């Protein structure tokens, strides 16, 4: 009885540690993706704005 409860405790603690590590990796990855996405949107707008400016100066 006692050993099985200990084994369950060890398994649950290992699982929680794994889940915590996994969630932190996921958070880092999502943060990286969000910044990359934000930069790509910014670059897209900047490119459109410069193209529009060049078009205005061309006319």
N, C-alpha and C. Protein backbone atom coordinates (compact mmCIF):
# COMPACT_ATOMS: atom_id res chain seq x y z
N UNK A 1 0.83 -1.20 0.00
CA UNK A 1 0.00 0.00 0.00
C UNK A 1 0.87 1.25 0.00
N UNK A 2 1.86 1.25 0.88
CA UNK A 2 2.71 2.42 1.00
C UNK A 2 3.59 2.62 -0.24
N UNK A 3 4.14 1.53 -0.75
CA UNK A 3 5.03 1.65 -1.91
C UNK A 3 4.26 2.09 -3.15
N UNK A 4 3.05 1.59 -3.32
CA UNK A 4 2.27 2.00 -4.50
C UNK A 4 1.93 3.48 -4.44
N UNK A 5 1.60 3.98 -3.27
CA UNK A 5 1.31 5.42 -3.15
C UNK A 5 2.57 6.24 -3.43
N UNK A 6 3.73 5.74 -2.98
CA UNK A 6 4.99 6.43 -3.27
C UNK A 6 5.27 6.46 -4.77
N UNK A 7 5.03 5.33 -5.42
CA UNK A 7 5.25 5.25 -6.87
C UNK A 7 4.33 6.23 -7.59
N UNK A 8 3.07 6.29 -7.16
CA UNK A 8 2.13 7.23 -7.76
C UNK A 8 2.59 8.67 -7.56
N UNK A 9 3.11 8.96 -6.38
CA UNK A 9 3.61 10.30 -6.09
C UNK A 9 4.78 10.66 -7.01
N UNK A 10 5.70 9.72 -7.16
CA UNK A 10 6.86 9.95 -8.01
C UNK A 10 6.43 10.18 -9.45
N UNK A 11 5.50 9.34 -9.92
CA UNK A 11 5.03 9.47 -11.30
C UNK A 11 4.33 10.81 -11.50
N UNK A 12 3.49 11.20 -10.55
CA UNK A 12 2.77 12.47 -10.70
C UNK A 12 3.73 13.65 -10.65
N UNK A 13 4.74 13.59 -9.79
CA UNK A 13 5.70 14.70 -9.71
C UNK A 13 6.51 14.79 -11.00
N UNK A 14 6.92 13.64 -11.54
CA UNK A 14 7.67 13.66 -12.80
C UNK A 14 6.81 14.20 -13.93
N UNK A 15 5.53 13.80 -13.95
CA UNK A 15 4.64 14.29 -14.99
C UNK A 15 4.44 15.80 -14.88
N UNK A 16 4.28 16.29 -13.66
CA UNK A 16 4.08 17.73 -13.48
C UNK A 16 5.33 18.50 -13.90
N UNK A 17 6.51 17.98 -13.57
CA UNK A 17 7.76 18.62 -13.98
C UNK A 17 7.86 18.64 -15.50
N UNK A 18 7.51 17.52 -16.12
CA UNK A 18 7.54 17.45 -17.58
C UNK A 18 6.57 18.44 -18.20
N UNK A 19 5.36 18.51 -17.63
CA UNK A 19 4.35 19.44 -18.15
C UNK A 19 4.80 20.89 -17.97
N UNK A 20 5.39 21.18 -16.82
CA UNK A 20 5.89 22.54 -16.59
C UNK A 20 6.97 22.91 -17.60
N UNK A 21 7.90 21.99 -17.81
CA UNK A 21 8.97 22.23 -18.77
C UNK A 21 8.39 22.40 -20.17
N UNK A 22 7.43 21.56 -20.51
CA UNK A 22 6.80 21.60 -21.82
C UNK A 22 6.07 22.93 -22.01
N UNK A 23 5.35 23.37 -20.99
CA UNK A 23 4.60 24.63 -21.11
C UNK A 23 5.55 25.81 -21.24
N UNK A 24 6.69 25.78 -20.55
CA UNK A 24 7.65 26.88 -20.67
C UNK A 24 8.25 26.91 -22.07
N UNK A 25 8.54 25.74 -22.63
CA UNK A 25 9.04 25.67 -24.01
C UNK A 25 7.99 26.21 -24.96
N UNK A 26 6.73 25.82 -24.72
CA UNK A 26 5.63 26.30 -25.57
C UNK A 26 5.48 27.81 -25.48
N UNK A 27 5.62 28.36 -24.25
CA UNK A 27 5.52 29.81 -24.07
C UNK A 27 6.64 30.52 -24.83
N UNK A 28 7.86 30.02 -24.71
CA UNK A 28 8.98 30.62 -25.43
C UNK A 28 8.75 30.57 -26.93
N UNK A 29 8.28 29.42 -27.41
CA UNK A 29 8.05 29.24 -28.84
C UNK A 29 6.96 30.19 -29.33
N UNK A 30 5.87 30.30 -28.55
CA UNK A 30 4.77 31.19 -28.97
C UNK A 30 5.22 32.64 -28.94
N UNK A 31 6.05 33.00 -27.94
CA UNK A 31 6.56 34.37 -27.87
C UNK A 31 7.44 34.65 -29.09
N UNK A 32 8.28 33.69 -29.47
CA UNK A 32 9.14 33.85 -30.65
C UNK A 32 8.30 34.00 -31.91
N UNK A 33 7.26 33.15 -32.02
CA UNK A 33 6.40 33.22 -33.20
C UNK A 33 5.65 34.55 -33.26
N UNK A 34 5.18 35.02 -32.10
CA UNK A 34 4.45 36.29 -32.07
C UNK A 34 5.34 37.45 -32.50
N UNK A 35 6.57 37.48 -32.00
CA UNK A 35 7.48 38.57 -32.39
C UNK A 35 7.81 38.48 -33.87
N UNK A 36 8.02 37.26 -34.37
CA UNK A 36 8.31 37.08 -35.79
C UNK A 36 7.13 37.54 -36.63
N UNK A 37 5.92 37.17 -36.20
CA UNK A 37 4.70 37.56 -36.91
C UNK A 37 4.53 39.08 -36.90
N UNK A 38 4.79 39.68 -35.73
CA UNK A 38 4.68 41.13 -35.59
C UNK A 38 5.67 41.83 -36.52
N UNK A 39 6.90 41.33 -36.56
CA UNK A 39 7.90 41.94 -37.42
C UNK A 39 7.54 41.78 -38.89
N UNK A 40 6.97 40.64 -39.26
CA UNK A 40 6.59 40.44 -40.66
C UNK A 40 5.47 41.39 -41.06
N UNK A 41 4.50 41.61 -40.15
CA UNK A 41 3.42 42.57 -40.43
C UNK A 41 4.01 43.97 -40.59
N UNK A 42 4.92 44.33 -39.68
CA UNK A 42 5.55 45.65 -39.73
C UNK A 42 6.31 45.83 -41.04
N UNK A 43 7.06 44.81 -41.45
CA UNK A 43 7.82 44.89 -42.70
C UNK A 43 6.89 45.01 -43.90
N UNK A 44 5.78 44.30 -43.86
CA UNK A 44 4.80 44.37 -44.95
C UNK A 44 4.25 45.78 -45.08
N UNK A 45 3.84 46.37 -43.94
CA UNK A 45 3.31 47.73 -43.97
C UNK A 45 4.36 48.73 -44.43
N UNK A 46 5.59 48.55 -43.94
CA UNK A 46 6.67 49.46 -44.31
C UNK A 46 6.95 49.37 -45.81
N UNK A 47 6.95 48.16 -46.35
CA UNK A 47 7.18 47.97 -47.77
C UNK A 47 6.07 48.61 -48.59
N UNK A 48 4.82 48.42 -48.16
CA UNK A 48 3.70 49.03 -48.88
C UNK A 48 3.79 50.55 -48.83
N UNK A 49 4.15 51.10 -47.66
CA UNK A 49 4.23 52.55 -47.51
C UNK A 49 5.33 53.12 -48.40
N UNK A 50 6.49 52.47 -48.44
CA UNK A 50 7.59 52.97 -49.27
C UNK A 50 7.24 52.85 -50.74
N UNK A 51 6.57 51.76 -51.12
CA UNK A 51 6.15 51.60 -52.52
C UNK A 51 5.16 52.70 -52.89
N UNK A 52 4.26 53.04 -51.97
CA UNK A 52 3.28 54.10 -52.19
C UNK A 52 3.98 55.45 -52.33
N UNK A 53 4.99 55.70 -51.48
CA UNK A 53 5.75 56.95 -51.55
C UNK A 53 6.49 57.06 -52.89
N UNK A 54 7.10 55.96 -53.31
CA UNK A 54 7.83 55.96 -54.59
C UNK A 54 6.85 56.22 -55.73
N UNK A 55 5.66 55.63 -55.63
CA UNK A 55 4.64 55.81 -56.66
C UNK A 55 4.19 57.27 -56.71
N UNK A 56 4.05 57.91 -55.55
CA UNK A 56 3.65 59.33 -55.49
C UNK A 56 4.74 60.19 -56.13
N UNK A 57 5.99 59.92 -55.80
CA UNK A 57 7.09 60.73 -56.34
C UNK A 57 7.29 60.48 -57.83
N UNK A 58 6.93 59.29 -58.29
CA UNK A 58 7.07 58.97 -59.71
C UNK A 58 6.08 59.80 -60.52
N UNK A 59 4.87 59.98 -60.00
CA UNK A 59 3.87 60.79 -60.70
C UNK A 59 4.16 62.26 -60.41
